[in-house]
Amino acid sequence: MANRTVHPELVIRGETQKCTFLSEFLNVGDNIREFLLSLRYFRIFIALWNVFMMFCMIV
């Protein structure tokens, strides 16, 4: 309590640094999730392309 009364800006800085660290960690998780989702769509595209190429070889 005394620390907050004497130095309130230190407590605010510490809390914002924790929030910044958490938001950066969440951004990394979101980026990984987005990459995996785009990778899934890319794999679906490759599969459809392969099916199309097999169709072209038969015809």
PDB file of N, CA and C in Angstrom:
ATOM      1  N   MET A   1       0.810  -1.195   0.000  1.00  0.00           N
ATOM      2  CA  MET A   1       0.000   0.000   0.000  1.00  0.00           C
ATOM      3  C   MET A   1       0.850   1.254   0.000  1.00  0.00           C
ATOM      4  N   ALA A   2       1.899   1.258   0.810  1.00  0.00           N
ATOM      5  CA  ALA A   2       2.729   2.450   0.897  1.00  0.00           C
ATOM      6  C   ALA A   2       3.427   2.713  -0.437  1.00  0.00           C
ATOM      7  N   ASN A   3       3.803   1.647  -1.136  1.00  0.00           N
ATOM      8  CA  ASN A   3       4.474   1.819  -2.419  1.00  0.00           C
ATOM      9  C   ASN A   3       3.553   2.498  -3.432  1.00  0.00           C
ATOM     10  N   ARG A   4       2.303   2.150  -3.421  1.00  0.00           N
ATOM     11  CA  ARG A   4       1.367   2.772  -4.351  1.00  0.00           C
ATOM     12  C   ARG A   4       1.138   4.231  -4.016  1.00  0.00           C
ATOM     13  N   THR A   5       1.200   4.554  -2.756  1.00  0.00           N
ATOM     14  CA  THR A   5       0.985   5.938  -2.364  1.00  0.00           C
ATOM     15  C   THR A   5       2.195   6.788  -2.738  1.00  0.00           C
ATOM     16  N   VAL A   6       3.397   6.253  -2.541  1.00  0.00           N
ATOM     17  CA  VAL A   6       4.609   7.023  -2.789  1.00  0.00           C
ATOM     18  C   VAL A   6       4.942   7.059  -4.278  1.00  0.00           C
ATOM     19  N   HIS A   7       4.874   5.918  -4.948  1.00  0.00           N
ATOM     20  CA  HIS A   7       5.272   5.830  -6.354  1.00  0.00           C
ATOM     21  C   HIS A   7       4.164   5.178  -7.187  1.00  0.00           C
ATOM     22  N   PRO A   8       3.103   5.869  -7.466  1.00  0.00           N
ATOM     23  CA  PRO A   8       2.033   5.234  -8.251  1.00  0.00           C
ATOM     24  C   PRO A   8       2.433   4.954  -9.699  1.00  0.00           C
ATOM     25  N   GLU A   9       3.365   5.731 -10.261  1.00  0.00           N
ATOM     26  CA  GLU A   9       3.744   5.507 -11.656  1.00  0.00           C
ATOM     27  C   GLU A   9       4.525   4.213 -11.825  1.00  0.00           C
ATOM     28  N   LEU A  10       5.236   3.765 -10.781  1.00  0.00           N
ATOM     29  CA  LEU A  10       5.972   2.513 -10.879  1.00  0.00           C
ATOM     30  C   LEU A  10       5.019   1.333 -10.960  1.00  0.00           C
ATOM     31  N   VAL A  11       3.969   1.379 -10.198  1.00  0.00           N
ATOM     32  CA  VAL A  11       3.002   0.297 -10.211  1.00  0.00           C
ATOM     33  C   VAL A  11       2.286   0.263 -11.560  1.00  0.00           C
ATOM     34  N   ILE A  12       1.959   1.405 -12.085  1.00  0.00           N
ATOM     35  CA  ILE A  12       1.271   1.469 -13.377  1.00  0.00           C
ATOM     36  C   ILE A  12       2.189   0.942 -14.479  1.00  0.00           C
ATOM     37  N   ARG A  13       3.457   1.301 -14.437  1.00  0.00           N
ATOM     38  CA  ARG A  13       4.393   0.809 -15.453  1.00  0.00           C
ATOM     39  C   ARG A  13       4.526  -0.701 -15.378  1.00  0.00           C
ATOM     40  N   GLY A  14       4.627  -1.239 -14.180  1.00  0.00           N
ATOM     41  CA  GLY A  14       4.752  -2.683 -14.021  1.00  0.00           C
ATOM     42  C   GLY A  14       3.544  -3.411 -14.554  1.00  0.00           C
ATOM     43  N   GLU A  15       2.367  -2.883 -14.302  1.00  0.00           N
ATOM     44  CA  GLU A  15       1.154  -3.530 -14.793  1.00  0.00           C
ATOM     45  C   GLU A  15       1.055  -3.442 -16.308  1.00  0.00           C
ATOM     46  N   THR A  16       1.471  -2.319 -16.880  1.00  0.00           N
ATOM     47  CA  THR A  16       1.404  -2.204 -18.343  1.00  0.00           C
ATOM     48  C   THR A  16       2.427  -3.114 -19.001  1.00  0.00           C
ATOM     49  N   GLN A  17       3.584  -3.312 -18.369  1.00  0.00           N
ATOM     50  CA  GLN A  17       4.572  -4.220 -18.941  1.00  0.00           C
ATOM     51  C   GLN A  17       4.045  -5.649 -18.943  1.00  0.00           C
ATOM     52  N   LYS A  18       3.342  -6.029 -17.873  1.00  0.00           N
ATOM     53  CA  LYS A  18       2.756  -7.367 -17.848  1.00  0.00           C
ATOM     54  C   LYS A  18       1.697  -7.501 -18.934  1.00  0.00           C
ATOM     55  N   CYS A  19       0.877  -6.490 -19.093  1.00  0.00           N
ATOM     56  CA  CYS A  19      -0.161  -6.530 -20.117  1.00  0.00           C
ATOM     57  C   CYS A  19       0.457  -6.569 -21.509  1.00  0.00           C
ATOM     58  N   THR A  20       1.540  -5.820 -21.718  1.00  0.00           N
ATOM     59  CA  THR A  20       2.210  -5.827 -23.007  1.00  0.00           C
ATOM     60  C   THR A  20       2.778  -7.207 -23.306  1.00  0.00           C
ATOM     61  N   PHE A  21       3.385  -7.831 -22.304  1.00  0.00           N
ATOM     62  CA  PHE A  21       3.946  -9.175 -22.491  1.00  0.00           C
ATOM     63  C   PHE A  21       2.836 -10.164 -22.832  1.00  0.00           C
ATOM     64  N   LEU A  22       1.717 -10.087 -22.126  1.00  0.00           N
ATOM     65  CA  LEU A  22       0.611 -10.999 -22.402  1.00  0.00           C
ATOM     66  C   LEU A  22       0.025 -10.769 -23.783  1.00  0.00           C
ATOM     67  N   SER A  23      -0.100  -9.504 -24.186  1.00  0.00           N
ATOM     68  CA  SER A  23      -0.652  -9.233 -25.511  1.00  0.00           C
ATOM     69  C   SER A  23       0.301  -9.709 -26.600  1.00  0.00           C
ATOM     70  N   GLU A  24       1.614  -9.583 -26.387  1.00  0.00           N
ATOM     71  CA  GLU A  24       2.570 -10.094 -27.371  1.00  0.00           C
ATOM     72  C   GLU A  24       2.485 -11.613 -27.441  1.00  0.00           C
ATOM     73  N   PHE A  25       2.323 -12.263 -26.294  1.00  0.00           N
ATOM     74  CA  PHE A  25       2.209 -13.720 -26.270  1.00  0.00           C
ATOM     75  C   PHE A  25       0.946 -14.159 -27.006  1.00  0.00           C
ATOM     76  N   LEU A  26      -0.156 -13.442 -26.800  1.00  0.00           N
ATOM     77  CA  LEU A  26      -1.393 -13.777 -27.495  1.00  0.00           C
ATOM     78  C   LEU A  26      -1.266 -13.517 -28.989  1.00  0.00           C
ATOM     79  N   ASN A  27      -0.535 -12.472 -29.370  1.00  0.00           N
ATOM     80  CA  ASN A  27      -0.335 -12.202 -30.788  1.00  0.00           C
ATOM     81  C   ASN A  27       0.461 -13.317 -31.451  1.00  0.00           C
ATOM     82  N   VAL A  28       1.441 -13.861 -30.748  1.00  0.00           N
ATOM     83  CA  VAL A  28       2.218 -14.975 -31.307  1.00  0.00           C
ATOM     84  C   VAL A  28       1.317 -16.183 -31.493  1.00  0.00           C
ATOM     85  N   GLY A  29       0.471 -16.459 -30.519  1.00  0.00           N
ATOM     86  CA  GLY A  29      -0.460 -17.570 -30.636  1.00  0.00           C
ATOM     87  C   GLY A  29      -1.434 -17.375 -31.775  1.00  0.00           C
ATOM     88  N   ASP A  30      -1.909 -16.152 -31.939  1.00  0.00           N
ATOM     89  CA  ASP A  30      -2.822 -15.861 -33.050  1.00  0.00           C
ATOM     90  C   ASP A  30      -2.114 -16.025 -34.390  1.00  0.00           C
ATOM     91  N   ASN A  31      -0.861 -15.600 -34.453  1.00  0.00           N
ATOM     92  CA  ASN A  31      -0.101 -15.742 -35.700  1.00  0.00           C
ATOM     93  C   ASN A  31       0.119 -17.207 -36.052  1.00  0.00           C
ATOM     94  N   ILE A  32       0.416 -18.026 -35.053  1.00  0.00           N
ATOM     95  CA  ILE A  32       0.613 -19.453 -35.307  1.00  0.00           C
ATOM     96  C   ILE A  32      -0.693 -20.089 -35.768  1.00  0.00           C
ATOM     97  N   ARG A  33      -1.790 -19.722 -35.116  1.00  0.00           N
ATOM     98  CA  ARG A  33      -3.094 -20.261 -35.504  1.00  0.00           C
ATOM     99  C   ARG A  33      -3.456 -19.857 -36.929  1.00  0.00           C
ATOM    100  N   GLU A  34      -3.175 -18.609 -37.265  1.00  0.00           N
ATOM    101  CA  GLU A  34      -3.468 -18.126 -38.623  1.00  0.00           C
ATOM    102  C   GLU A  34      -2.605 -18.851 -39.658  1.00  0.00           C
ATOM    103  N   PHE A  35      -1.335 -19.083 -39.328  1.00  0.00           N
ATOM    104  CA  PHE A  35      -0.448 -19.799 -40.248  1.00  0.00           C
ATOM    105  C   PHE A  35      -0.931 -21.223 -40.478  1.00  0.00           C
ATOM    106  N   LEU A  36      -1.326 -21.906 -39.411  1.00  0.00           N
ATOM    107  CA  LEU A  36      -1.803 -23.276 -39.561  1.00  0.00           C
ATOM    108  C   LEU A  36      -3.096 -23.331 -40.362  1.00  0.00           C
ATOM    109  N   LEU A  37      -3.946 -22.338 -40.184  1.00  0.00           N
ATOM    110  CA  LEU A  37      -5.187 -22.295 -40.957  1.00  0.00           C
ATOM    111  C   LEU A  37      -4.894 -22.081 -42.439  1.00  0.00           C
ATOM    112  N   SER A  38      -3.962 -21.177 -42.746  1.00  0.00           N
ATOM    113  CA  SER A  38      -3.613 -20.954 -44.145  1.00  0.00           C
ATOM    114  C   SER A  38      -2.916 -22.183 -44.731  1.00  0.00           C
ATOM    115  N   LEU A  39      -2.151 -22.886 -43.910  1.00  0.00           N
ATOM    116  CA  LEU A  39      -1.508 -24.118 -44.368  1.00  0.00           C
ATOM    117  C   LEU A  39      -2.556 -25.175 -44.699  1.00  0.00           C
ATOM    118  N   ARG A  40      -3.614 -25.227 -43.902  1.00  0.00           N
ATOM    119  CA  ARG A  40      -4.697 -26.177 -44.174  1.00  0.00           C
ATOM    120  C   ARG A  40      -5.357 -25.861 -45.505  1.00  0.00           C
ATOM    121  N   TYR A  41      -5.635 -24.587 -45.772  1.00  0.00           N
ATOM    122  CA  TYR A  41      -6.239 -24.204 -47.047  1.00  0.00           C
ATOM    123  C   TYR A  41      -5.308 -24.508 -48.217  1.00  0.00           C
ATOM    124  N   PHE A  42      -4.010 -24.334 -48.008  1.00  0.00           N
ATOM    125  CA  PHE A  42      -3.042 -24.633 -49.064  1.00  0.00           C
ATOM    126  C   PHE A  42      -3.041 -26.127 -49.370  1.00  0.00           C
ATOM    127  N   ARG A  43      -3.118 -26.962 -48.334  1.00  0.00           N
ATOM    128  CA  ARG A  43      -3.148 -28.405 -48.547  1.00  0.00           C
ATOM    129  C   ARG A  43      -4.413 -28.827 -49.275  1.00  0.00           C
ATOM    130  N   ILE A  44      -5.541 -28.194 -48.970  1.00  0.00           N
ATOM    131  CA  ILE A  44      -6.790 -28.486 -49.676  1.00  0.00           C
ATOM    132  C   ILE A  44      -6.656 -28.103 -51.151  1.00  0.00           C
ATOM    133  N   PHE A  45      -6.036 -26.947 -51.412  1.00  0.00           N
ATOM    134  CA  PHE A  45      -5.823 -26.520 -52.802  1.00  0.00           C
ATOM    135  C   PHE A  45      -4.947 -27.522 -53.551  1.00  0.00           C
ATOM    136  N   ILE A  46      -3.879 -27.998 -52.913  1.00  0.00           N
ATOM    137  CA  ILE A  46      -2.987 -28.976 -53.557  1.00  0.00           C
ATOM    138  C   ILE A  46      -3.746 -30.272 -53.847  1.00  0.00           C
ATOM    139  N   ALA A  47      -4.585 -30.703 -52.915  1.00  0.00           N
ATOM    140  CA  ALA A  47      -5.357 -31.935 -53.128  1.00  0.00           C
ATOM    141  C   ALA A  47      -6.311 -31.778 -54.309  1.00  0.00           C
ATOM    142  N   LEU A  48      -7.000 -30.654 -54.383  1.00  0.00           N
ATOM    143  CA  LEU A  48      -7.913 -30.433 -55.509  1.00  0.00           C
ATOM    144  C   LEU A  48      -7.153 -30.340 -56.828  1.00  0.00           C
ATOM    145  N   TRP A  49      -5.982 -29.721 -56.779  1.00  0.00           N
ATOM    146  CA  TRP A  49      -5.160 -29.625 -57.982  1.00  0.00           C
ATOM    147  C   TRP A  49      -4.739 -31.021 -58.455  1.00  0.00           C
ATOM    148  N   ASN A  50      -4.379 -31.887 -57.509  1.00  0.00           N
ATOM    149  CA  ASN A  50      -3.982 -33.254 -57.873  1.00  0.00           C
ATOM    150  C   ASN A  50      -5.146 -34.023 -58.482  1.00  0.00           C
ATOM    151  N   VAL A  51      -6.336 -33.857 -57.932  1.00  0.00           N
ATOM    152  CA  VAL A  51      -7.515 -34.516 -58.496  1.00  0.00           C
ATOM    153  C   VAL A  51      -7.770 -33.997 -59.911  1.00  0.00           C
ATOM    154  N   PHE A  52      -7.637 -32.702 -60.101  1.00  0.00           N
ATOM    155  CA  PHE A  52      -7.828 -32.125 -61.439  1.00  0.00           C
ATOM    156  C   PHE A  52      -6.798 -32.676 -62.422  1.00  0.00           C
ATOM    157  N   MET A  53      -5.544 -32.796 -62.000  1.00  0.00           N
ATOM    158  CA  MET A  53      -4.500 -33.321 -62.881  1.00  0.00           C
ATOM    159  C   MET A  53      -4.751 -34.786 -63.229  1.00  0.00           C
ATOM    160  N   MET A  54      -5.235 -35.575 -62.262  1.00  0.00           N
ATOM    161  CA  MET A  54      -5.565 -36.973 -62.561  1.00  0.00           C
ATOM    162  C   MET A  54      -6.704 -37.041 -63.576  1.00  0.00           C
ATOM    163  N   PHE A  55      -7.682 -36.170 -63.437  1.00  0.00           N
ATOM    164  CA  PHE A  55      -8.784 -36.108 -64.406  1.00  0.00           C
ATOM    165  C   PHE A  55      -8.253 -35.766 -65.794  1.00  0.00           C
ATOM    166  N   CYS A  56      -7.331 -34.806 -65.863  1.00  0.00           N
ATOM    167  CA  CYS A  56      -6.741 -34.428 -67.160  1.00  0.00           C
ATOM    168  C   CYS A  56      -5.962 -35.585 -67.785  1.00  0.00           C
ATOM    169  N   MET A  57      -5.298 -36.401 -66.980  1.00  0.00           N
ATOM    170  CA  MET A  57      -4.530 -37.530 -67.516  1.00  0.00           C
ATOM    171  C   MET A  57      -5.447 -38.612 -68.051  1.00  0.00           C
ATOM    172  N   ILE A  58      -6.600 -38.785 -67.411  1.00  0.00           N
ATOM    173  CA  ILE A  58      -7.536 -39.811 -67.891  1.00  0.00           C
ATOM    174  C   ILE A  58      -8.171 -39.361 -69.195  1.00  0.00           C
ATOM    175  N   VAL A  59      -8.508 -38.096 -69.291  1.00  0.00           N
ATOM    176  CA  VAL A  59      -9.164 -37.577 -70.493  1.00  0.00           C
ATOM    177  C   VAL A  59      -8.105 -37.299 -71.500  1.00  0.00           C
TER     178      VAL A  59
END
